[in-house]
């Protein structure tokens, strides 16, 4: 992915800030085609979703896990203790 510093271009910076603040994509129309401007956090979320979707049975596992009552779940502090050793 190419990185471009947006500085001293009020129009581009306005669109950039709008994409970040509203967290909504912006369609950029050009003479030779169109592009979509999204925030980096939205891009990261899309990449994570694509990655998780590529793992066999991951979507089904997430859906099944979502049905688990909270009373049957492991406490977050217990998981943090395991991860932190």
Foldseek 3Di string as FASTA:
>chain_A
DDDDDDDPPVVVVVQQVCQVVVQDWDWAQDPVGIDIDHHPVVVVVVVVVVVQVVDPCSVVVVVVVVPDDPVPDDDPVVVVVVVVD
